[in-house]
Amino acid sequence: MKLEKAKLITIIADEALQDRLISELKSVNVKGYTISEAKGEGINHSHLTSWEGKNIRLESLVSEGKALKVFQIISEKYLDKYPMVIFMNDVEVIRKERFS
């Protein structure tokens, strides 16, 4: 078993942005992602009622180059307009070619 380095990018945003964010990932050839519901409270606000919509947590394992491209896109198109968080972590994976 060989462990190799990759980046785990995480985007937490309103579910209304889900399709747009997926399109952005695909525009830089990200091969896969996972989406789950995200609950919590931050500096912007908390969702107090269900009619406000939900937050999603979109995660993807990618190469460092793709991670930087995603960060550039999100920074330029979304961060000034929408309450959201994006961050990355260094991780180790098996079968890195699946995430390049």
N, C-alpha and C. Protein backbone atom coordinates (compact mmCIF):
# COMPACT_ATOMS: atom_id res chain seq x y z
N MET A 1 0.85 -1.18 0.00
CA MET A 1 0.00 0.00 0.00
C MET A 1 0.89 1.24 0.00
N LYS A 2 0.61 2.13 -0.92
CA LYS A 2 1.38 3.37 -1.02
C LYS A 2 0.46 4.56 -0.79
N LEU A 3 0.79 5.38 0.19
CA LEU A 3 0.04 6.60 0.44
C LEU A 3 0.67 7.75 -0.33
N GLU A 4 -0.19 8.56 -0.95
CA GLU A 4 0.28 9.72 -1.70
C GLU A 4 -0.48 10.96 -1.26
N LYS A 5 0.14 12.11 -1.42
CA LYS A 5 -0.46 13.37 -0.97
C LYS A 5 -1.51 13.87 -1.96
N ALA A 6 -2.57 14.46 -1.40
CA ALA A 6 -3.63 15.10 -2.18
C ALA A 6 -4.18 16.24 -1.32
N LYS A 7 -5.11 16.99 -1.87
CA LYS A 7 -5.78 18.06 -1.14
C LYS A 7 -7.25 17.71 -1.01
N LEU A 8 -7.79 17.94 0.17
CA LEU A 8 -9.22 17.84 0.39
C LEU A 8 -9.75 19.26 0.43
N ILE A 9 -10.56 19.62 -0.58
CA ILE A 9 -11.17 20.96 -0.56
C ILE A 9 -12.58 20.81 -0.03
N THR A 10 -12.98 21.78 0.79
CA THR A 10 -14.30 21.80 1.40
C THR A 10 -14.91 23.17 1.16
N ILE A 11 -16.14 23.17 0.66
CA ILE A 11 -16.89 24.41 0.45
C ILE A 11 -18.19 24.27 1.22
N ILE A 12 -18.47 25.23 2.08
CA ILE A 12 -19.74 25.27 2.80
C ILE A 12 -20.49 26.49 2.30
N ALA A 13 -21.68 26.26 1.74
CA ALA A 13 -22.43 27.33 1.10
C ALA A 13 -23.92 27.02 1.11
N ASP A 14 -24.71 27.99 0.72
CA ASP A 14 -26.15 27.80 0.61
C ASP A 14 -26.44 26.78 -0.48
N GLU A 15 -27.44 25.94 -0.24
CA GLU A 15 -27.78 24.89 -1.21
C GLU A 15 -28.19 25.46 -2.56
N ALA A 16 -28.62 26.70 -2.60
CA ALA A 16 -29.00 27.33 -3.87
C ALA A 16 -27.80 27.43 -4.83
N LEU A 17 -26.59 27.39 -4.30
CA LEU A 17 -25.38 27.48 -5.12
C LEU A 17 -24.87 26.12 -5.57
N GLN A 18 -25.50 25.05 -5.15
CA GLN A 18 -24.98 23.70 -5.39
C GLN A 18 -24.68 23.44 -6.86
N ASP A 19 -25.61 23.65 -7.75
CA ASP A 19 -25.39 23.35 -9.17
C ASP A 19 -24.28 24.21 -9.77
N ARG A 20 -24.23 25.47 -9.37
CA ARG A 20 -23.18 26.35 -9.88
C ARG A 20 -21.80 25.90 -9.40
N LEU A 21 -21.71 25.51 -8.13
CA LEU A 21 -20.43 25.06 -7.59
C LEU A 21 -19.97 23.76 -8.24
N ILE A 22 -20.90 22.86 -8.48
CA ILE A 22 -20.55 21.62 -9.19
C ILE A 22 -20.03 21.93 -10.58
N SER A 23 -20.67 22.86 -11.27
CA SER A 23 -20.19 23.26 -12.61
C SER A 23 -18.79 23.83 -12.55
N GLU A 24 -18.50 24.60 -11.51
CA GLU A 24 -17.15 25.17 -11.37
C GLU A 24 -16.12 24.05 -11.17
N LEU A 25 -16.46 23.07 -10.35
CA LEU A 25 -15.53 21.94 -10.14
C LEU A 25 -15.29 21.21 -11.46
N LYS A 26 -16.36 20.95 -12.18
CA LYS A 26 -16.23 20.23 -13.44
C LYS A 26 -15.45 21.03 -14.48
N SER A 27 -15.51 22.36 -14.39
CA SER A 27 -14.79 23.20 -15.35
C SER A 27 -13.27 23.05 -15.23
N VAL A 28 -12.79 22.57 -14.10
CA VAL A 28 -11.35 22.32 -13.93
C VAL A 28 -11.07 20.82 -13.85
N ASN A 29 -12.02 20.02 -14.38
CA ASN A 29 -11.86 18.57 -14.51
C ASN A 29 -11.75 17.82 -13.19
N VAL A 30 -12.45 18.31 -12.17
CA VAL A 30 -12.54 17.55 -10.92
C VAL A 30 -13.38 16.31 -11.22
N LYS A 31 -12.89 15.15 -10.81
CA LYS A 31 -13.51 13.88 -11.18
C LYS A 31 -14.67 13.48 -10.28
N GLY A 32 -14.71 13.96 -9.06
CA GLY A 32 -15.78 13.54 -8.16
C GLY A 32 -15.90 14.47 -6.97
N TYR A 33 -16.98 14.34 -6.26
CA TYR A 33 -17.25 15.18 -5.10
C TYR A 33 -18.29 14.48 -4.23
N THR A 34 -18.41 14.95 -3.01
CA THR A 34 -19.43 14.49 -2.08
C THR A 34 -20.14 15.71 -1.53
N ILE A 35 -21.46 15.62 -1.44
CA ILE A 35 -22.26 16.72 -0.88
C ILE A 35 -23.07 16.18 0.29
N SER A 36 -23.05 16.92 1.38
CA SER A 36 -23.88 16.58 2.53
C SER A 36 -24.47 17.87 3.10
N GLU A 37 -25.50 17.71 3.91
CA GLU A 37 -26.12 18.86 4.55
C GLU A 37 -25.19 19.36 5.64
N ALA A 38 -25.12 20.68 5.78
CA ALA A 38 -24.27 21.29 6.81
C ALA A 38 -25.13 22.17 7.71
N LYS A 39 -24.98 21.99 8.99
CA LYS A 39 -25.69 22.82 9.97
C LYS A 39 -24.67 23.50 10.84
N GLY A 40 -25.00 24.70 11.29
CA GLY A 40 -24.08 25.40 12.18
C GLY A 40 -24.36 26.88 12.21
N GLU A 41 -23.47 27.61 12.80
CA GLU A 41 -23.61 29.05 12.92
C GLU A 41 -22.24 29.67 12.76
N GLY A 42 -22.18 30.78 12.06
CA GLY A 42 -20.92 31.47 11.84
C GLY A 42 -21.10 32.96 11.98
N ILE A 43 -20.16 33.71 11.43
CA ILE A 43 -20.21 35.17 11.58
C ILE A 43 -21.34 35.79 10.76
N ASN A 44 -21.81 35.10 9.72
CA ASN A 44 -22.87 35.67 8.90
C ASN A 44 -24.24 35.52 9.56
N HIS A 45 -24.60 34.30 9.90
CA HIS A 45 -25.86 34.04 10.58
C HIS A 45 -26.07 32.54 10.67
N SER A 46 -27.13 32.16 11.37
CA SER A 46 -27.52 30.75 11.35
C SER A 46 -28.87 30.68 10.66
N HIS A 47 -29.16 29.55 10.06
CA HIS A 47 -30.47 29.34 9.45
C HIS A 47 -31.45 29.01 10.57
N LEU A 48 -32.40 29.89 10.79
CA LEU A 48 -33.32 29.70 11.91
C LEU A 48 -34.59 28.96 11.51
N THR A 49 -34.97 29.03 10.24
CA THR A 49 -36.18 28.34 9.79
C THR A 49 -35.88 27.61 8.49
N SER A 50 -36.69 26.60 8.20
CA SER A 50 -36.44 25.79 7.01
C SER A 50 -36.68 26.56 5.71
N TRP A 51 -37.51 27.60 5.71
CA TRP A 51 -37.77 28.32 4.46
C TRP A 51 -36.55 29.09 3.99
N GLU A 52 -35.57 29.30 4.86
CA GLU A 52 -34.35 29.99 4.46
C GLU A 52 -33.43 29.11 3.63
N GLY A 53 -33.75 27.84 3.53
CA GLY A 53 -32.89 26.91 2.81
C GLY A 53 -31.86 26.29 3.73
N LYS A 54 -31.07 25.42 3.17
CA LYS A 54 -30.06 24.71 3.95
C LYS A 54 -28.68 25.03 3.41
N ASN A 55 -27.69 24.73 4.22
CA ASN A 55 -26.31 24.82 3.76
C ASN A 55 -25.86 23.44 3.32
N ILE A 56 -24.95 23.43 2.37
CA ILE A 56 -24.33 22.18 1.93
C ILE A 56 -22.85 22.22 2.27
N ARG A 57 -22.29 21.04 2.36
CA ARG A 57 -20.85 20.86 2.51
C ARG A 57 -20.41 20.05 1.30
N LEU A 58 -19.68 20.69 0.41
CA LEU A 58 -19.21 20.05 -0.82
C LEU A 58 -17.73 19.76 -0.63
N GLU A 59 -17.34 18.49 -0.79
CA GLU A 59 -15.95 18.10 -0.59
C GLU A 59 -15.44 17.34 -1.79
N SER A 60 -14.15 17.52 -2.06
CA SER A 60 -13.53 16.80 -3.17
C SER A 60 -12.04 16.60 -2.88
N LEU A 61 -11.54 15.43 -3.26
CA LEU A 61 -10.11 15.13 -3.19
C LEU A 61 -9.51 15.44 -4.55
N VAL A 62 -8.51 16.32 -4.56
CA VAL A 62 -7.94 16.78 -5.82
C VAL A 62 -6.43 16.97 -5.69
N SER A 63 -5.79 17.19 -6.83
CA SER A 63 -4.38 17.56 -6.83
C SER A 63 -4.25 19.00 -6.33
N GLU A 64 -3.04 19.38 -5.95
CA GLU A 64 -2.83 20.75 -5.49
C GLU A 64 -3.15 21.75 -6.59
N GLY A 65 -2.78 21.44 -7.82
CA GLY A 65 -3.07 22.35 -8.93
C GLY A 65 -4.56 22.61 -9.11
N LYS A 66 -5.36 21.55 -9.05
CA LYS A 66 -6.81 21.73 -9.18
C LYS A 66 -7.38 22.47 -7.98
N ALA A 67 -6.85 22.20 -6.80
CA ALA A 67 -7.32 22.91 -5.60
C ALA A 67 -7.10 24.41 -5.75
N LEU A 68 -5.94 24.79 -6.23
CA LEU A 68 -5.65 26.22 -6.40
C LEU A 68 -6.55 26.84 -7.47
N LYS A 69 -6.85 26.11 -8.53
CA LYS A 69 -7.77 26.62 -9.55
C LYS A 69 -9.17 26.83 -8.98
N VAL A 70 -9.64 25.87 -8.18
CA VAL A 70 -10.96 26.00 -7.56
C VAL A 70 -10.98 27.21 -6.62
N PHE A 71 -9.94 27.37 -5.81
CA PHE A 71 -9.87 28.51 -4.90
C PHE A 71 -9.90 29.83 -5.67
N GLN A 72 -9.20 29.89 -6.79
CA GLN A 72 -9.17 31.10 -7.61
C GLN A 72 -10.58 31.43 -8.11
N ILE A 73 -11.28 30.43 -8.64
CA ILE A 73 -12.64 30.63 -9.17
C ILE A 73 -13.59 31.09 -8.06
N ILE A 74 -13.55 30.40 -6.94
CA ILE A 74 -14.46 30.73 -5.84
C ILE A 74 -14.16 32.12 -5.32
N SER A 75 -12.89 32.45 -5.20
CA SER A 75 -12.49 33.78 -4.73
C SER A 75 -12.99 34.88 -5.66
N GLU A 76 -12.83 34.68 -6.96
CA GLU A 76 -13.21 35.70 -7.94
C GLU A 76 -14.72 35.84 -8.12
N LYS A 77 -15.45 34.73 -8.08
CA LYS A 77 -16.87 34.76 -8.44
C LYS A 77 -17.86 34.74 -7.28
N TYR A 78 -17.44 34.27 -6.11
CA TYR A 78 -18.43 33.99 -5.08
C TYR A 78 -18.19 34.64 -3.72
N LEU A 79 -16.97 34.70 -3.26
CA LEU A 79 -16.73 35.09 -1.87
C LEU A 79 -17.23 36.48 -1.51
N ASP A 80 -17.20 37.42 -2.43
CA ASP A 80 -17.68 38.77 -2.14
C ASP A 80 -19.20 38.88 -2.23
N LYS A 81 -19.86 37.89 -2.81
CA LYS A 81 -21.30 37.97 -3.06
C LYS A 81 -22.14 37.07 -2.16
N TYR A 82 -21.54 35.99 -1.65
CA TYR A 82 -22.33 34.99 -0.92
C TYR A 82 -21.64 34.62 0.39
N PRO A 83 -22.45 34.35 1.43
CA PRO A 83 -21.85 33.85 2.67
C PRO A 83 -21.42 32.40 2.46
N MET A 84 -20.15 32.16 2.49
CA MET A 84 -19.63 30.81 2.29
C MET A 84 -18.24 30.70 2.88
N VAL A 85 -17.80 29.45 3.02
CA VAL A 85 -16.47 29.16 3.54
C VAL A 85 -15.83 28.16 2.59
N ILE A 86 -14.55 28.35 2.31
CA ILE A 86 -13.80 27.36 1.54
C ILE A 86 -12.46 27.16 2.23
N PHE A 87 -12.06 25.90 2.36
CA PHE A 87 -10.77 25.61 2.95
C PHE A 87 -10.24 24.29 2.39
N MET A 88 -8.94 24.06 2.60
CA MET A 88 -8.34 22.81 2.12
C MET A 88 -7.46 22.23 3.21
N ASN A 89 -7.33 20.92 3.13
CA ASN A 89 -6.47 20.18 4.05
C ASN A 89 -5.55 19.29 3.25
N ASP A 90 -4.37 19.07 3.78
CA ASP A 90 -3.46 18.08 3.22
C ASP A 90 -3.94 16.71 3.71
N VAL A 91 -4.05 15.77 2.79
CA VAL A 91 -4.47 14.41 3.13
C VAL A 91 -3.57 13.42 2.40
N GLU A 92 -3.65 12.18 2.82
CA GLU A 92 -2.95 11.11 2.12
C GLU A 92 -3.98 10.13 1.62
N VAL A 93 -3.82 9.69 0.38
CA VAL A 93 -4.80 8.82 -0.26
C VAL A 93 -4.11 7.60 -0.87
N ILE A 94 -4.89 6.60 -1.11
CA ILE A 94 -4.45 5.45 -1.89
C ILE A 94 -5.08 5.63 -3.27
N ARG A 95 -4.38 5.29 -4.31
CA ARG A 95 -4.84 5.44 -5.71
C ARG A 95 -5.01 6.92 -6.07
N LYS A 96 -3.96 7.67 -5.92
CA LYS A 96 -3.99 9.10 -6.19
C LYS A 96 -4.47 9.44 -7.60
N GLU A 97 -4.21 8.57 -8.55
CA GLU A 97 -4.62 8.84 -9.94
C GLU A 97 -6.11 9.07 -10.05
N ARG A 98 -6.89 8.59 -9.12
CA ARG A 98 -8.34 8.81 -9.16
C ARG A 98 -8.70 10.25 -8.82
N PHE A 99 -7.78 11.00 -8.20
CA PHE A 99 -8.07 12.34 -7.72
C PHE A 99 -7.24 13.41 -8.41
N SER A 100 -6.46 13.05 -9.40
CA SER A 100 -5.56 14.01 -10.06
C SER A 100 -6.31 14.95 -10.98
